[in-house]
Amino acid sequence: MEIWINPACSKCRSAVKLLDAEGAEYTVRRYLDDPPTEDELRAVLERLGLEPWDITRTQEAEAKELGLRSWPKEPAERDRWIAALAGHPRLIQRPIITADDGSAVVGRSEEAVRDALSR
């Protein structure tokens, strides 16, 4: 299991605390220091069953600078969104937990983290 975190994020800290409390074995990836590649993002999106705009933090200053809110959310624009996330990892929703069964969840709630633990 791997968890992508920003240590400054309270949701990330809560997820790590829960993983520790449950004795889970996992690897931490500080994705701002070690940004995912476009291919890694594609793989995680597939595991999540989501599109890149579904995991984009559109309230971030970088999103506003890029004008993301006006970008079309359609398959033809998918690569553009993925490139933006790879180039600006702060825009990636967090934490993302990749489970051992090949799935993934955005672990913003205790229920989502527990879901990842159960896999």
PDB file of N, CA and C in Angstrom:
ATOM      1  N   MET A   1       0.853  -1.166   0.000  1.00  0.00           N
ATOM      2  CA  MET A   1       0.000   0.000   0.000  1.00  0.00           C
ATOM      3  C   MET A   1       0.897   1.226   0.000  1.00  0.00           C
ATOM      4  N   GLU A   2       0.462   2.232  -0.761  1.00  0.00           N
ATOM      5  CA  GLU A   2       1.202   3.496  -0.806  1.00  0.00           C
ATOM      6  C   GLU A   2       0.211   4.618  -0.581  1.00  0.00           C
ATOM      7  N   ILE A   3       0.655   5.672   0.104  1.00  0.00           N
ATOM      8  CA  ILE A   3      -0.189   6.834   0.323  1.00  0.00           C
ATOM      9  C   ILE A   3       0.562   8.071  -0.139  1.00  0.00           C
ATOM     10  N   TRP A   4      -0.103   8.834  -1.003  1.00  0.00           N
ATOM     11  CA  TRP A   4       0.463  10.096  -1.485  1.00  0.00           C
ATOM     12  C   TRP A   4      -0.024  11.175  -0.538  1.00  0.00           C
ATOM     13  N   ILE A   5       0.922  11.877   0.085  1.00  0.00           N
ATOM     14  CA  ILE A   5       0.543  12.886   1.074  1.00  0.00           C
ATOM     15  C   ILE A   5       1.273  14.202   0.880  1.00  0.00           C
ATOM     16  N   ASN A   6       0.677  15.221   1.452  1.00  0.00           N
ATOM     17  CA  ASN A   6       1.296  16.507   1.707  1.00  0.00           C
ATOM     18  C   ASN A   6       1.283  16.614   3.230  1.00  0.00           C
ATOM     19  N   PRO A   7       2.437  16.592   3.891  1.00  0.00           N
ATOM     20  CA  PRO A   7       2.467  16.592   5.356  1.00  0.00           C
ATOM     21  C   PRO A   7       1.751  17.786   5.991  1.00  0.00           C
ATOM     22  N   ALA A   8       1.587  18.872   5.252  1.00  0.00           N
ATOM     23  CA  ALA A   8       0.904  20.043   5.784  1.00  0.00           C
ATOM     24  C   ALA A   8      -0.620  19.888   5.784  1.00  0.00           C
ATOM     25  N   CYS A   9      -1.116  18.843   5.154  1.00  0.00           N
ATOM     26  CA  CYS A   9      -2.558  18.619   4.999  1.00  0.00           C
ATOM     27  C   CYS A   9      -3.123  17.828   6.182  1.00  0.00           C
ATOM     28  N   SER A  10      -4.149  18.354   6.819  1.00  0.00           N
ATOM     29  CA  SER A  10      -4.738  17.674   7.977  1.00  0.00           C
ATOM     30  C   SER A  10      -5.391  16.352   7.584  1.00  0.00           C
ATOM     31  N   LYS A  11      -5.985  16.270   6.400  1.00  0.00           N
ATOM     32  CA  LYS A  11      -6.600  15.005   5.947  1.00  0.00           C
ATOM     33  C   LYS A  11      -5.530  13.938   5.751  1.00  0.00           C
ATOM     34  N   CYS A  12      -4.374  14.335   5.247  1.00  0.00           N
ATOM     35  CA  CYS A  12      -3.259  13.391   5.071  1.00  0.00           C
ATOM     36  C   CYS A  12      -2.755  12.902   6.417  1.00  0.00           C
ATOM     37  N   ARG A  13      -2.586  13.826   7.355  1.00  0.00           N
ATOM     38  CA  ARG A  13      -2.107  13.436   8.685  1.00  0.00           C
ATOM     39  C   ARG A  13      -3.102  12.496   9.363  1.00  0.00           C
ATOM     40  N   SER A  14      -4.395  12.764   9.197  1.00  0.00           N
ATOM     41  CA  SER A  14      -5.421  11.887   9.781  1.00  0.00           C
ATOM     42  C   SER A  14      -5.374  10.497   9.161  1.00  0.00           C
ATOM     43  N   ALA A  15      -5.182  10.438   7.846  1.00  0.00           N
ATOM     44  CA  ALA A  15      -5.119   9.143   7.168  1.00  0.00           C
ATOM     45  C   ALA A  15      -3.915   8.340   7.645  1.00  0.00           C
ATOM     46  N   VAL A  16      -2.765   8.985   7.760  1.00  0.00           N
ATOM     47  CA  VAL A  16      -1.555   8.308   8.229  1.00  0.00           C
ATOM     48  C   VAL A  16      -1.748   7.832   9.669  1.00  0.00           C
ATOM     49  N   LYS A  17      -2.351   8.661  10.491  1.00  0.00           N
ATOM     50  CA  LYS A  17      -2.607   8.284  11.885  1.00  0.00           C
ATOM     51  C   LYS A  17      -3.488   7.037  11.962  1.00  0.00           C
ATOM     52  N   LEU A  18      -4.525   6.977  11.112  1.00  0.00           N
ATOM     53  CA  LEU A  18      -5.409   5.816  11.096  1.00  0.00           C
ATOM     54  C   LEU A  18      -4.675   4.571  10.588  1.00  0.00           C
ATOM     55  N   LEU A  19      -3.884   4.725   9.539  1.00  0.00           N
ATOM     56  CA  LEU A  19      -3.103   3.593   9.030  1.00  0.00           C
ATOM     57  C   LEU A  19      -2.173   3.059  10.125  1.00  0.00           C
ATOM     58  N   ASP A  20      -1.525   3.971  10.846  1.00  0.00           N
ATOM     59  CA  ASP A  20      -0.625   3.565  11.927  1.00  0.00           C
ATOM     60  C   ASP A  20      -1.402   2.856  13.046  1.00  0.00           C
ATOM     61  N   ALA A  21      -2.552   3.405  13.404  1.00  0.00           N
ATOM     62  CA  ALA A  21      -3.362   2.816  14.474  1.00  0.00           C
ATOM     63  C   ALA A  21      -3.811   1.402  14.125  1.00  0.00           C
ATOM     64  N   GLU A  22      -4.027   1.167  12.825  1.00  0.00           N
ATOM     65  CA  GLU A  22      -4.470  -0.152  12.371  1.00  0.00           C
ATOM     66  C   GLU A  22      -3.309  -1.097  12.070  1.00  0.00           C
ATOM     67  N   GLY A  23      -2.077  -0.606  12.263  1.00  0.00           N
ATOM     68  CA  GLY A  23      -0.902  -1.441  12.029  1.00  0.00           C
ATOM     69  C   GLY A  23      -0.663  -1.767  10.563  1.00  0.00           C
ATOM     70  N   ALA A  24      -1.124  -0.909   9.675  1.00  0.00           N
ATOM     71  CA  ALA A  24      -0.978  -1.144   8.235  1.00  0.00           C
ATOM     72  C   ALA A  24       0.474  -0.961   7.804  1.00  0.00           C
ATOM     73  N   GLU A  25       0.866  -1.760   6.821  1.00  0.00           N
ATOM     74  CA  GLU A  25       2.173  -1.587   6.196  1.00  0.00           C
ATOM     75  C   GLU A  25       1.957  -0.740   4.951  1.00  0.00           C
ATOM     76  N   TYR A  26       2.689   0.347   4.851  1.00  0.00           N
ATOM     77  CA  TYR A  26       2.510   1.251   3.718  1.00  0.00           C
ATOM     78  C   TYR A  26       3.778   2.055   3.482  1.00  0.00           C
ATOM     79  N   THR A  27       3.836   2.632   2.313  1.00  0.00           N
ATOM     80  CA  THR A  27       4.925   3.522   1.931  1.00  0.00           C
ATOM     81  C   THR A  27       4.347   4.923   1.767  1.00  0.00           C
ATOM     82  N   VAL A  28       5.042   5.910   2.278  1.00  0.00           N
ATOM     83  CA  VAL A  28       4.620   7.299   2.138  1.00  0.00           C
ATOM     84  C   VAL A  28       5.323   7.913   0.938  1.00  0.00           C
ATOM     85  N   ARG A  29       4.540   8.575   0.120  1.00  0.00           N
ATOM     86  CA  ARG A  29       5.107   9.352  -0.983  1.00  0.00           C
ATOM     87  C   ARG A  29       4.691  10.809  -0.789  1.00  0.00           C
ATOM     88  N   ARG A  30       5.666  11.641  -0.549  1.00  0.00           N
ATOM     89  CA  ARG A  30       5.406  13.078  -0.437  1.00  0.00           C
ATOM     90  C   ARG A  30       5.375  13.617  -1.862  1.00  0.00           C
ATOM     91  N   TYR A  31       4.189  13.640  -2.415  1.00  0.00           N
ATOM     92  CA  TYR A  31       4.068  13.870  -3.847  1.00  0.00           C
ATOM     93  C   TYR A  31       4.443  15.283  -4.288  1.00  0.00           C
ATOM     94  N   LEU A  32       4.579  16.221  -3.363  1.00  0.00           N
ATOM     95  CA  LEU A  32       5.069  17.546  -3.761  1.00  0.00           C
ATOM     96  C   LEU A  32       6.586  17.512  -3.966  1.00  0.00           C
ATOM     97  N   ASP A  33       7.257  16.649  -3.207  1.00  0.00           N
ATOM     98  CA  ASP A  33       8.715  16.483  -3.341  1.00  0.00           C
ATOM     99  C   ASP A  33       9.073  15.480  -4.434  1.00  0.00           C
ATOM    100  N   ASP A  34       8.185  14.521  -4.655  1.00  0.00           N
ATOM    101  CA  ASP A  34       8.390  13.447  -5.630  1.00  0.00           C
ATOM    102  C   ASP A  34       7.122  13.348  -6.491  1.00  0.00           C
ATOM    103  N   PRO A  35       6.927  14.328  -7.392  1.00  0.00           N
ATOM    104  CA  PRO A  35       5.684  14.383  -8.160  1.00  0.00           C
ATOM    105  C   PRO A  35       5.490  13.163  -9.064  1.00  0.00           C
ATOM    106  N   PRO A  36       4.253  12.716  -9.174  1.00  0.00           N
ATOM    107  CA  PRO A  36       3.979  11.604 -10.080  1.00  0.00           C
ATOM    108  C   PRO A  36       4.143  12.037 -11.538  1.00  0.00           C
ATOM    109  N   THR A  37       4.565  11.100 -12.351  1.00  0.00           N
ATOM    110  CA  THR A  37       4.667  11.360 -13.789  1.00  0.00           C
ATOM    111  C   THR A  37       3.268  11.284 -14.398  1.00  0.00           C
ATOM    112  N   GLU A  38       3.167  11.676 -15.637  1.00  0.00           N
ATOM    113  CA  GLU A  38       1.888  11.562 -16.334  1.00  0.00           C
ATOM    114  C   GLU A  38       1.438  10.102 -16.391  1.00  0.00           C
ATOM    115  N   ASP A  39       2.373   9.200 -16.640  1.00  0.00           N
ATOM    116  CA  ASP A  39       2.013   7.777 -16.691  1.00  0.00           C
ATOM    117  C   ASP A  39       1.544   7.270 -15.331  1.00  0.00           C
ATOM    118  N   GLU A  40       2.204   7.705 -14.268  1.00  0.00           N
ATOM    119  CA  GLU A  40       1.766   7.302 -12.929  1.00  0.00           C
ATOM    120  C   GLU A  40       0.368   7.843 -12.632  1.00  0.00           C
ATOM    121  N   LEU A  41       0.102   9.064 -13.055  1.00  0.00           N
ATOM    122  CA  LEU A  41      -1.231   9.636 -12.854  1.00  0.00           C
ATOM    123  C   LEU A  41      -2.285   8.856 -13.628  1.00  0.00           C
ATOM    124  N   ARG A  42      -1.965   8.486 -14.854  1.00  0.00           N
ATOM    125  CA  ARG A  42      -2.918   7.679 -15.642  1.00  0.00           C
ATOM    126  C   ARG A  42      -3.230   6.361 -14.929  1.00  0.00           C
ATOM    127  N   ALA A  43      -2.182   5.723 -14.395  1.00  0.00           N
ATOM    128  CA  ALA A  43      -2.362   4.449 -13.705  1.00  0.00           C
ATOM    129  C   ALA A  43      -3.211   4.624 -12.446  1.00  0.00           C
ATOM    130  N   VAL A  44      -2.951   5.661 -11.672  1.00  0.00           N
ATOM    131  CA  VAL A  44      -3.734   5.906 -10.456  1.00  0.00           C
ATOM    132  C   VAL A  44      -5.175   6.252 -10.809  1.00  0.00           C
ATOM    133  N   LEU A  45      -5.374   7.041 -11.836  1.00  0.00           N
ATOM    134  CA  LEU A  45      -6.743   7.378 -12.257  1.00  0.00           C
ATOM    135  C   LEU A  45      -7.506   6.126 -12.655  1.00  0.00           C
ATOM    136  N   GLU A  46      -6.833   5.215 -13.343  1.00  0.00           N
ATOM    137  CA  GLU A  46      -7.479   3.963 -13.717  1.00  0.00           C
ATOM    138  C   GLU A  46      -7.859   3.171 -12.467  1.00  0.00           C
ATOM    139  N   ARG A  47      -6.949   3.111 -11.515  1.00  0.00           N
ATOM    140  CA  ARG A  47      -7.219   2.397 -10.258  1.00  0.00           C
ATOM    141  C   ARG A  47      -8.361   3.047  -9.487  1.00  0.00           C
ATOM    142  N   LEU A  48      -8.417   4.382  -9.536  1.00  0.00           N
ATOM    143  CA  LEU A  48      -9.479   5.110  -8.845  1.00  0.00           C
ATOM    144  C   LEU A  48     -10.817   5.011  -9.580  1.00  0.00           C
ATOM    145  N   GLY A  49     -10.750   4.794 -10.905  1.00  0.00           N
ATOM    146  CA  GLY A  49     -11.968   4.834 -11.704  1.00  0.00           C
ATOM    147  C   GLY A  49     -12.480   6.253 -11.877  1.00  0.00           C
ATOM    148  N   LEU A  50     -11.538   7.207 -11.898  1.00  0.00           N
ATOM    149  CA  LEU A  50     -11.898   8.624 -11.996  1.00  0.00           C
ATOM    150  C   LEU A  50     -11.185   9.285 -13.167  1.00  0.00           C
ATOM    151  N   GLU A  51     -11.612  10.477 -13.474  1.00  0.00           N
ATOM    152  CA  GLU A  51     -10.984  11.302 -14.502  1.00  0.00           C
ATOM    153  C   GLU A  51     -10.088  12.334 -13.806  1.00  0.00           C
ATOM    154  N   PRO A  52      -9.135  12.913 -14.525  1.00  0.00           N
ATOM    155  CA  PRO A  52      -8.211  13.850 -13.876  1.00  0.00           C
ATOM    156  C   PRO A  52      -8.920  15.052 -13.246  1.00  0.00           C
ATOM    157  N   TRP A  53      -9.983  15.521 -13.850  1.00  0.00           N
ATOM    158  CA  TRP A  53     -10.698  16.671 -13.281  1.00  0.00           C
ATOM    159  C   TRP A  53     -11.403  16.306 -11.978  1.00  0.00           C
ATOM    160  N   ASP A  54     -11.620  15.004 -11.758  1.00  0.00           N
ATOM    161  CA  ASP A  54     -12.248  14.545 -10.515  1.00  0.00           C
ATOM    162  C   ASP A  54     -11.304  14.636  -9.317  1.00  0.00           C
ATOM    163  N   ILE A  55      -9.999  14.648  -9.569  1.00  0.00           N
ATOM    164  CA  ILE A  55      -9.025  14.711  -8.472  1.00  0.00           C
ATOM    165  C   ILE A  55      -8.236  16.020  -8.495  1.00  0.00           C
ATOM    166  N   THR A  56      -8.781  17.033  -9.146  1.00  0.00           N
ATOM    167  CA  THR A  56      -8.099  18.319  -9.256  1.00  0.00           C
ATOM    168  C   THR A  56      -8.639  19.297  -8.221  1.00  0.00           C
ATOM    169  N   ARG A  57      -7.739  19.911  -7.512  1.00  0.00           N
ATOM    170  CA  ARG A  57      -8.089  20.923  -6.509  1.00  0.00           C
ATOM    171  C   ARG A  57      -8.213  22.270  -7.231  1.00  0.00           C
ATOM    172  N   THR A  58      -9.409  22.594  -7.635  1.00  0.00           N
ATOM    173  CA  THR A  58      -9.629  23.785  -8.460  1.00  0.00           C
ATOM    174  C   THR A  58      -9.599  25.091  -7.678  1.00  0.00           C
ATOM    175  N   GLN A  59      -9.544  25.019  -6.349  1.00  0.00           N
ATOM    176  CA  GLN A  59      -9.473  26.247  -5.546  1.00  0.00           C
ATOM    177  C   GLN A  59      -8.047  26.739  -5.325  1.00  0.00           C
ATOM    178  N   GLU A  60      -7.075  25.919  -5.680  1.00  0.00           N
ATOM    179  CA  GLU A  60      -5.672  26.321  -5.501  1.00  0.00           C
ATOM    180  C   GLU A  60      -5.338  27.505  -6.412  1.00  0.00           C
ATOM    181  N   ALA A  61      -4.417  28.334  -5.963  1.00  0.00           N
ATOM    182  CA  ALA A  61      -3.997  29.499  -6.754  1.00  0.00           C
ATOM    183  C   ALA A  61      -3.493  29.081  -8.136  1.00  0.00           C
ATOM    184  N   GLU A  62      -2.760  27.975  -8.190  1.00  0.00           N
ATOM    185  CA  GLU A  62      -2.239  27.504  -9.479  1.00  0.00           C
ATOM    186  C   GLU A  62      -3.372  27.151 -10.440  1.00  0.00           C
ATOM    187  N   ALA A  63      -4.445  26.598  -9.920  1.00  0.00           N
ATOM    188  CA  ALA A  63      -5.591  26.250 -10.764  1.00  0.00           C
ATOM    189  C   ALA A  63      -6.212  27.514 -11.344  1.00  0.00           C
ATOM    190  N   LYS A  64      -6.288  28.518 -10.528  1.00  0.00           N
ATOM    191  CA  LYS A  64      -6.856  29.796 -10.993  1.00  0.00           C
ATOM    192  C   LYS A  64      -5.947  30.431 -12.050  1.00  0.00           C
ATOM    193  N   GLU A  65      -4.630  30.363 -11.819  1.00  0.00           N
ATOM    194  CA  GLU A  65      -3.683  30.911 -12.798  1.00  0.00           C
ATOM    195  C   GLU A  65      -3.796  30.198 -14.142  1.00  0.00           C
ATOM    196  N   LEU A  66      -4.012  28.888 -14.105  1.00  0.00           N
ATOM    197  CA  LEU A  66      -4.143  28.100 -15.333  1.00  0.00           C
ATOM    198  C   LEU A  66      -5.534  28.229 -15.970  1.00  0.00           C
ATOM    199  N   GLY A  67      -6.477  28.749 -15.208  1.00  0.00           N
ATOM    200  CA  GLY A  67      -7.842  28.855 -15.716  1.00  0.00           C
ATOM    201  C   GLY A  67      -8.545  27.505 -15.810  1.00  0.00           C
ATOM    202  N   LEU A  68      -8.211  26.577 -14.918  1.00  0.00           N
ATOM    203  CA  LEU A  68      -8.739  25.209 -14.988  1.00  0.00           C
ATOM    204  C   LEU A  68     -10.262  25.134 -14.983  1.00  0.00           C
ATOM    205  N   ARG A  69     -10.896  26.031 -14.294  1.00  0.00           N
ATOM    206  CA  ARG A  69     -12.366  25.968 -14.212  1.00  0.00           C
ATOM    207  C   ARG A  69     -13.021  26.095 -15.583  1.00  0.00           C
ATOM    208  N   SER A  70     -12.333  26.707 -16.524  1.00  0.00           N
ATOM    209  CA  SER A  70     -12.915  26.869 -17.862  1.00  0.00           C
ATOM    210  C   SER A  70     -12.518  25.746 -18.821  1.00  0.00           C
ATOM    211  N   TRP A  71     -11.629  24.841 -18.365  1.00  0.00           N
ATOM    212  CA  TRP A  71     -11.205  23.746 -19.236  1.00  0.00           C
ATOM    213  C   TRP A  71     -12.348  22.744 -19.403  1.00  0.00           C
ATOM    214  N   PRO A  72     -12.559  22.268 -20.623  1.00  0.00           N
ATOM    215  CA  PRO A  72     -13.603  21.248 -20.838  1.00  0.00           C
ATOM    216  C   PRO A  72     -13.258  19.953 -20.103  1.00  0.00           C
ATOM    217  N   LYS A  73     -14.277  19.341 -19.552  1.00  0.00           N
ATOM    218  CA  LYS A  73     -14.120  18.049 -18.863  1.00  0.00           C
ATOM    219  C   LYS A  73     -14.649  16.977 -19.794  1.00  0.00           C
ATOM    220  N   GLU A  74     -13.805  16.642 -20.759  1.00  0.00           N
ATOM    221  CA  GLU A  74     -14.194  15.660 -21.764  1.00  0.00           C
ATOM    222  C   GLU A  74     -12.969  14.845 -22.166  1.00  0.00           C
ATOM    223  N   PRO A  75     -13.193  13.649 -22.697  1.00  0.00           N
ATOM    224  CA  PRO A  75     -12.080  12.749 -23.025  1.00  0.00           C
ATOM    225  C   PRO A  75     -10.984  13.377 -23.879  1.00  0.00           C
ATOM    226  N   ALA A  76     -11.340  14.223 -24.808  1.00  0.00           N
ATOM    227  CA  ALA A  76     -10.337  14.833 -25.682  1.00  0.00           C
ATOM    228  C   ALA A  76      -9.370  15.739 -24.908  1.00  0.00           C
ATOM    229  N   GLU A  77      -9.768  16.197 -23.727  1.00  0.00           N
ATOM    230  CA  GLU A  77      -8.945  17.100 -22.919  1.00  0.00           C
ATOM    231  C   GLU A  77      -8.205  16.378 -21.780  1.00  0.00           C
ATOM    232  N   ARG A  78      -8.391  15.076 -21.683  1.00  0.00           N
ATOM    233  CA  ARG A  78      -7.837  14.292 -20.572  1.00  0.00           C
ATOM    234  C   ARG A  78      -6.325  14.481 -20.442  1.00  0.00           C
ATOM    235  N   ASP A  79      -5.596  14.385 -21.544  1.00  0.00           N
ATOM    236  CA  ASP A  79      -4.134  14.518 -21.492  1.00  0.00           C
ATOM    237  C   ASP A  79      -3.709  15.903 -21.017  1.00  0.00           C
ATOM    238  N   ARG A  80      -4.454  16.917 -21.392  1.00  0.00           N
ATOM    239  CA  ARG A  80      -4.157  18.283 -20.955  1.00  0.00           C
ATOM    240  C   ARG A  80      -4.284  18.388 -19.427  1.00  0.00           C
ATOM    241  N   TRP A  81      -5.345  17.805 -18.883  1.00  0.00           N
ATOM    242  CA  TRP A  81      -5.551  17.807 -17.437  1.00  0.00           C
ATOM    243  C   TRP A  81      -4.435  17.034 -16.723  1.00  0.00           C
ATOM    244  N   ILE A  82      -4.090  15.874 -17.267  1.00  0.00           N
ATOM    245  CA  ILE A  82      -3.039  15.053 -16.656  1.00  0.00           C
ATOM    246  C   ILE A  82      -1.705  15.800 -16.672  1.00  0.00           C
ATOM    247  N   ALA A  83      -1.392  16.462 -17.764  1.00  0.00           N
ATOM    248  CA  ALA A  83      -0.156  17.244 -17.848  1.00  0.00           C
ATOM    249  C   ALA A  83      -0.156  18.361 -16.802  1.00  0.00           C
ATOM    250  N   ALA A  84      -1.301  18.991 -16.591  1.00  0.00           N
ATOM    251  CA  ALA A  84      -1.390  20.051 -15.579  1.00  0.00           C
ATOM    252  C   ALA A  84      -1.142  19.489 -14.182  1.00  0.00           C
ATOM    253  N   LEU A  85      -1.703  18.323 -13.886  1.00  0.00           N
ATOM    254  CA  LEU A  85      -1.496  17.711 -12.573  1.00  0.00           C
ATOM    255  C   LEU A  85      -0.030  17.304 -12.385  1.00  0.00           C
ATOM    256  N   ALA A  86       0.573  16.752 -13.417  1.00  0.00           N
ATOM    257  CA  ALA A  86       1.984  16.352 -13.332  1.00  0.00           C
ATOM    258  C   ALA A  86       2.882  17.578 -13.160  1.00  0.00           C
ATOM    259  N   GLY A  87       2.551  18.646 -13.849  1.00  0.00           N
ATOM    260  CA  GLY A  87       3.354  19.864 -13.772  1.00  0.00           C
ATOM    261  C   GLY A  87       3.102  20.704 -12.542  1.00  0.00           C
ATOM    262  N   HIS A  88       1.961  20.500 -11.917  1.00  0.00           N
ATOM    263  CA  HIS A  88       1.561  21.277 -10.736  1.00  0.00           C
ATOM    264  C   HIS A  88       0.957  20.319  -9.697  1.00  0.00           C
ATOM    265  N   PRO A  89       1.790  19.493  -9.061  1.00  0.00           N
ATOM    266  CA  PRO A  89       1.262  18.450  -8.180  1.00  0.00           C
ATOM    267  C   PRO A  89       0.416  18.966  -7.016  1.00  0.00           C
ATOM    268  N   ARG A  90       0.563  20.224  -6.662  1.00  0.00           N
ATOM    269  CA  ARG A  90      -0.263  20.793  -5.594  1.00  0.00           C
ATOM    270  C   ARG A  90      -1.754  20.706  -5.943  1.00  0.00           C
ATOM    271  N   LEU A  91      -2.044  20.565  -7.236  1.00  0.00           N
ATOM    272  CA  LEU A  91      -3.435  20.489  -7.689  1.00  0.00           C
ATOM    273  C   LEU A  91      -4.070  19.118  -7.461  1.00  0.00           C
ATOM    274  N   ILE A  92      -3.266  18.117  -7.093  1.00  0.00           N
ATOM    275  CA  ILE A  92      -3.778  16.754  -6.926  1.00  0.00           C
ATOM    276  C   ILE A  92      -4.484  16.626  -5.579  1.00  0.00           C
ATOM    277  N   GLN A  93      -5.712  16.125  -5.621  1.00  0.00           N
ATOM    278  CA  GLN A  93      -6.464  15.862  -4.399  1.00  0.00           C
ATOM    279  C   GLN A  93      -5.686  14.882  -3.535  1.00  0.00           C
ATOM    280  N   ARG A  94      -5.780  15.007  -2.244  1.00  0.00           N
ATOM    281  CA  ARG A  94      -4.991  14.184  -1.341  1.00  0.00           C
ATOM    282  C   ARG A  94      -5.792  13.794  -0.127  1.00  0.00           C
ATOM    283  N   PRO A  95      -5.380  12.762   0.553  1.00  0.00           N
ATOM    284  CA  PRO A  95      -4.370  11.782   0.182  1.00  0.00           C
ATOM    285  C   PRO A  95      -4.938  10.745  -0.783  1.00  0.00           C
ATOM    286  N   ILE A  96      -4.082  10.179  -1.585  1.00  0.00           N
ATOM    287  CA  ILE A  96      -4.478   9.065  -2.460  1.00  0.00           C
ATOM    288  C   ILE A  96      -3.787   7.823  -1.917  1.00  0.00           C
ATOM    289  N   ILE A  97      -4.578   6.787  -1.707  1.00  0.00           N
ATOM    290  CA  ILE A  97      -4.058   5.518  -1.184  1.00  0.00           C
ATOM    291  C   ILE A  97      -4.241   4.451  -2.247  1.00  0.00           C
ATOM    292  N   THR A  98      -3.145   3.817  -2.623  1.00  0.00           N
ATOM    293  CA  THR A  98      -3.223   2.689  -3.545  1.00  0.00           C
ATOM    294  C   THR A  98      -3.219   1.415  -2.703  1.00  0.00           C
ATOM    295  N   ALA A  99      -4.267   0.634  -2.869  1.00  0.00           N
ATOM    296  CA  ALA A  99      -4.439  -0.581  -2.065  1.00  0.00           C
ATOM    297  C   ALA A  99      -3.718  -1.762  -2.709  1.00  0.00           C
ATOM    298  N   ASP A 100      -3.513  -2.787  -1.905  1.00  0.00           N
ATOM    299  CA  ASP A 100      -2.773  -3.964  -2.357  1.00  0.00           C
ATOM    300  C   ASP A 100      -3.502  -4.748  -3.442  1.00  0.00           C
ATOM    301  N   ASP A 101      -4.825  -4.579  -3.552  1.00  0.00           N
ATOM    302  CA  ASP A 101      -5.587  -5.338  -4.557  1.00  0.00           C
ATOM    303  C   ASP A 101      -5.590  -4.667  -5.927  1.00  0.00           C
ATOM    304  N   GLY A 102      -4.834  -3.569  -6.070  1.00  0.00           N
ATOM    305  CA  GLY A 102      -4.770  -2.883  -7.355  1.00  0.00           C
ATOM    306  C   GLY A 102      -5.741  -1.717  -7.473  1.00  0.00           C
ATOM    307  N   SER A 103      -6.566  -1.502  -6.458  1.00  0.00           N
ATOM    308  CA  SER A 103      -7.489  -0.372  -6.478  1.00  0.00           C
ATOM    309  C   SER A 103      -6.842   0.826  -5.788  1.00  0.00           C
ATOM    310  N   ALA A 104      -7.564   1.916  -5.725  1.00  0.00           N
ATOM    311  CA  ALA A 104      -7.088   3.111  -5.044  1.00  0.00           C
ATOM    312  C   ALA A 104      -8.298   3.896  -4.547  1.00  0.00           C
ATOM    313  N   VAL A 105      -8.063   4.739  -3.545  1.00  0.00           N
ATOM    314  CA  VAL A 105      -9.103   5.617  -3.026  1.00  0.00           C
ATOM    315  C   VAL A 105      -8.499   6.979  -2.722  1.00  0.00           C
ATOM    316  N   VAL A 106      -9.339   7.996  -2.779  1.00  0.00           N
ATOM    317  CA  VAL A 106      -8.957   9.297  -2.261  1.00  0.00           C
ATOM    318  C   VAL A 106      -9.382   9.261  -0.797  1.00  0.00           C
ATOM    319  N   GLY A 107      -8.411   9.235   0.097  1.00  0.00           N
ATOM    320  CA  GLY A 107      -8.663   8.985   1.507  1.00  0.00           C
ATOM    321  C   GLY A 107      -8.975  10.209   2.331  1.00  0.00           C
ATOM    322  N   ARG A 108      -9.945  10.992   1.915  1.00  0.00           N
ATOM    323  CA  ARG A 108     -10.279  12.217   2.636  1.00  0.00           C
ATOM    324  C   ARG A 108     -11.180  11.974   3.842  1.00  0.00           C
ATOM    325  N   SER A 109     -11.713  10.776   3.959  1.00  0.00           N
ATOM    326  CA  SER A 109     -12.552  10.462   5.116  1.00  0.00           C
ATOM    327  C   SER A 109     -12.040   9.181   5.779  1.00  0.00           C
ATOM    328  N   GLU A 110     -12.419   8.995   7.029  1.00  0.00           N
ATOM    329  CA  GLU A 110     -12.035   7.769   7.732  1.00  0.00           C
ATOM    330  C   GLU A 110     -12.596   6.553   7.011  1.00  0.00           C
ATOM    331  N   GLU A 111     -13.815   6.671   6.489  1.00  0.00           N
ATOM    332  CA  GLU A 111     -14.440   5.558   5.770  1.00  0.00           C
ATOM    333  C   GLU A 111     -13.632   5.162   4.542  1.00  0.00           C
ATOM    334  N   ALA A 112     -13.129   6.142   3.808  1.00  0.00           N
ATOM    335  CA  ALA A 112     -12.337   5.847   2.608  1.00  0.00           C
ATOM    336  C   ALA A 112     -11.024   5.157   2.976  1.00  0.00           C
ATOM    337  N   VAL A 113     -10.393   5.612   4.055  1.00  0.00           N
ATOM    338  CA  VAL A 113      -9.141   4.990   4.490  1.00  0.00           C
ATOM    339  C   VAL A 113      -9.415   3.554   4.934  1.00  0.00           C
ATOM    340  N   ARG A 114     -10.485   3.353   5.673  1.00  0.00           N
ATOM    341  CA  ARG A 114     -10.842   1.998   6.118  1.00  0.00           C
ATOM    342  C   ARG A 114     -11.176   1.097   4.912  1.00  0.00           C
ATOM    343  N   ASP A 115     -11.782   1.693   3.891  1.00  0.00           N
ATOM    344  CA  ASP A 115     -12.069   0.942   2.668  1.00  0.00           C
ATOM    345  C   ASP A 115     -10.758   0.446   2.055  1.00  0.00           C
ATOM    346  N   ALA A 116      -9.757   1.297   1.977  1.00  0.00           N
ATOM    347  CA  ALA A 116      -8.455   0.894   1.437  1.00  0.00           C
ATOM    348  C   ALA A 116      -7.828  -0.194   2.300  1.00  0.00           C
ATOM    349  N   LEU A 117      -7.966  -0.074   3.602  1.00  0.00           N
ATOM    350  CA  LEU A 117      -7.404  -1.080   4.513  1.00  0.00           C
ATOM    351  C   LEU A 117      -8.054  -2.443   4.330  1.00  0.00           C
ATOM    352  N   SER A 118      -9.310  -2.458   3.960  1.00  0.00           N
ATOM    353  CA  SER A 118     -10.037  -3.719   3.842  1.00  0.00           C
ATOM    354  C   SER A 118      -9.719  -4.466   2.552  1.00  0.00           C
ATOM    355  N   ARG A 119      -8.997  -3.829   1.660  1.00  0.00           N
ATOM    356  CA  ARG A 119      -8.747  -4.446   0.348  1.00  0.00           C
ATOM    357  C   ARG A 119      -7.543  -5.310   0.379  1.00  0.00           C
TER     358      ARG A 119
END
